[in-house]
Each structure stands twice: as structure tokens, then as C-alpha cells.
Amino acid sequence: MSDNKLQLAQQSHEAFAAGDRKFFEQHLAENFTFSSPLDVGLDRDGYFKRCWPGAGNGQKFNFLRLIQHDEEVVVTYEITKPNGDKGRNTEIVPIKDDKNRQCRGLFWLGHTARSLNH
């Protein structure tokens, strides 16, 4: 089963890059949540409104780390955008019954922090 979790984590990122929403939705739990430093506590609908518009734009993932611990997969990747910009992220993705239940993203490189001044 561990190979399936690692494979599903990688395939989900590749589906995002390809804009394959059908595959992506098929492997998201109904109660899926997403959090990152820029987007805290999005539910499934919020994820698709906020994050999915960036899918299928020709970005490429280079997977640096895929590690499973129990039901969680830790994914570290370098992403290259069509304009050549790069970023590096680590995400923690709990997977159960072939469904991504949550994604907690941590940015490393290539992201500009938002101002805390309102």
C-alpha cells in the first residue's frame, strides 16, 4: 500500500500540472482541506476556487523527496513555471483509501511573503 500512497501523491501533482481536474477530484476526500502560508484552512471548494486556476499552465515538477510515514506522504519538489521561475515546496499529504485528505504546504524558495501591514 505504501507504493500506492507515494504514487498517488506524485500523480496528484502531475494531474495539477496537466490540469486534469477529473483525476484530481477523483482522489480528493470530500472533507479535503488545504493550508499553506498564503492560504490557511481552505476547504475543498475553496481550494478549487483559489488554487485550481493555476493548474495546467505548463509548470513542471521535479520531485526531490517522496517519503511515507504511516498514512502521510511528505513531498518535496522543485516547480518550474513556463516563464522559467522556480520554487521549492514541501507538502505533507495524508492519504487514506486512495484519497488525499489534506495538504499542508510549506514554501522554501521562490515565493514572496505578503505584507503583514493592512
Protein backbone atom coordinates (compact mmCIF):
# COMPACT_ATOMS: atom_id res chain seq x y z
CA MET A 1 0.00 0.00 0.00
CA SER A 2 2.88 2.41 0.65
CA ASP A 3 3.87 2.41 -3.02
CA ASN A 4 0.29 3.35 -3.88
CA LYS A 5 0.36 6.33 -1.49
CA LEU A 6 3.68 7.57 -2.88
CA GLN A 7 2.46 7.05 -6.43
CA LEU A 8 -0.84 8.81 -5.74
CA ALA A 9 0.94 11.81 -4.21
CA GLN A 10 3.16 12.13 -7.29
CA GLN A 11 0.28 11.55 -9.73
CA SER A 12 -1.81 14.21 -7.99
CA HIS A 13 0.90 16.82 -8.55
CA GLU A 14 1.25 15.71 -12.16
CA ALA A 15 -2.54 15.95 -12.60
CA PHE A 16 -2.39 19.52 -11.26
CA ALA A 17 0.37 20.38 -13.76
CA ALA A 18 -1.67 18.84 -16.59
CA GLY A 19 -4.92 20.48 -15.48
CA ASP A 20 -6.51 17.03 -15.11
CA ARG A 21 -9.29 18.03 -12.75
CA LYS A 22 -11.15 14.74 -13.21
CA PHE A 23 -8.22 12.70 -11.82
CA PHE A 24 -7.58 15.27 -9.12
CA GLU A 25 -11.18 15.36 -7.88
CA GLN A 26 -11.44 11.57 -8.03
CA HIS A 27 -8.61 11.35 -5.49
CA LEU A 28 -9.68 14.10 -3.07
CA ALA A 29 -11.67 13.28 0.04
CA GLU A 30 -14.97 15.15 0.35
CA ASN A 31 -13.65 16.79 3.54
CA PHE A 32 -10.28 17.72 1.96
CA THR A 33 -8.55 20.79 3.41
CA PHE A 34 -5.58 22.79 2.17
CA SER A 35 -3.28 25.08 4.12
CA SER A 36 -0.15 26.98 3.17
CA PRO A 37 1.45 30.18 4.44
CA LEU A 38 -0.66 32.08 1.89
CA ASP A 39 -3.91 30.12 2.14
CA VAL A 40 -4.84 28.85 5.59
CA GLY A 41 -7.67 26.37 6.09
CA LEU A 42 -9.26 26.18 2.64
CA ASP A 43 -11.95 23.55 2.24
CA ARG A 44 -12.32 21.53 -0.97
CA ASP A 45 -14.40 24.20 -2.74
CA GLY A 46 -12.07 26.95 -1.54
CA TYR A 47 -9.09 25.02 -2.89
CA PHE A 48 -10.64 24.80 -6.35
CA LYS A 49 -11.58 28.50 -6.33
CA ARG A 50 -8.23 29.73 -5.04
CA CYS A 51 -5.63 27.24 -6.27
CA TRP A 52 -7.00 25.36 -9.28
CA PRO A 53 -6.88 28.36 -11.66
CA GLY A 54 -3.09 27.87 -11.56
CA ALA A 55 -3.36 24.28 -12.81
CA GLY A 56 -2.43 23.19 -16.31
CA ASN A 57 -0.27 26.21 -17.09
CA GLY A 58 2.76 24.27 -18.29
CA GLN A 59 4.52 24.05 -14.95
CA LYS A 60 6.86 21.13 -14.39
CA PHE A 61 7.52 19.26 -11.15
CA ASN A 62 10.91 17.79 -10.28
CA PHE A 63 10.33 15.53 -7.27
CA LEU A 64 13.20 15.70 -4.80
CA ARG A 65 11.64 13.73 -1.95
CA LEU A 66 8.70 11.35 -1.58
CA ILE A 67 8.61 9.81 1.89
CA GLN A 68 5.80 7.90 3.51
CA HIS A 69 5.27 7.82 7.25
CA ASP A 70 2.14 5.90 8.25
CA GLU A 71 -0.70 7.49 6.24
CA GLU A 72 1.20 10.69 5.41
CA VAL A 73 3.37 11.35 2.39
CA VAL A 74 5.98 14.10 2.52
CA VAL A 75 6.56 15.55 -0.94
CA THR A 76 9.38 17.97 -1.70
CA TYR A 77 9.53 19.27 -5.23
CA GLU A 78 11.01 21.99 -7.34
CA ILE A 79 8.48 23.56 -9.65
CA THR A 80 9.45 25.35 -12.85
CA LYS A 81 6.88 27.72 -14.30
CA PRO A 82 6.59 28.35 -18.07
CA ASN A 83 8.43 31.68 -17.67
CA GLY A 84 11.39 29.88 -16.05
CA ASP A 85 10.68 30.99 -12.47
CA LYS A 86 11.33 28.26 -9.93
CA GLY A 87 10.11 27.49 -6.46
CA ARG A 88 10.66 24.71 -3.99
CA ASN A 89 7.91 23.40 -1.73
CA THR A 90 7.40 20.66 0.78
CA GLU A 91 3.88 19.35 1.34
CA ILE A 92 2.52 16.91 3.88
CA VAL A 93 -0.34 14.92 2.36
CA PRO A 94 -2.33 12.41 4.44
CA ILE A 95 -3.80 9.71 2.17
CA LYS A 96 -6.43 7.18 3.16
CA ASP A 97 -8.49 4.90 0.90
CA ASP A 98 -6.79 6.38 -2.20
CA LYS A 99 -7.99 9.88 -1.27
CA ASN A 100 -5.92 12.93 -0.40
CA ARG A 101 -7.46 14.13 2.86
CA GLN A 102 -5.41 17.24 3.41
CA CYS A 103 -2.46 19.19 2.08
CA ARG A 104 -0.21 21.31 4.27
CA GLY A 105 2.25 23.23 2.14
CA LEU A 106 5.48 24.83 3.32
CA PHE A 107 7.33 27.20 0.96
CA TRP A 108 11.10 27.21 0.75
CA LEU A 109 12.19 29.18 -2.30
CA GLY A 110 10.59 31.29 -4.96
CA HIS A 111 7.69 32.75 -3.00
CA THR A 112 7.34 36.32 -1.89
CA ALA A 113 5.76 36.80 1.51
CA ARG A 114 2.70 39.03 1.70
CA SER A 115 2.98 42.18 3.73
CA LEU A 116 1.56 41.98 7.23
CA ASN A 117 0.68 45.69 7.09
CA HIS A 118 -3.02 46.14 6.46
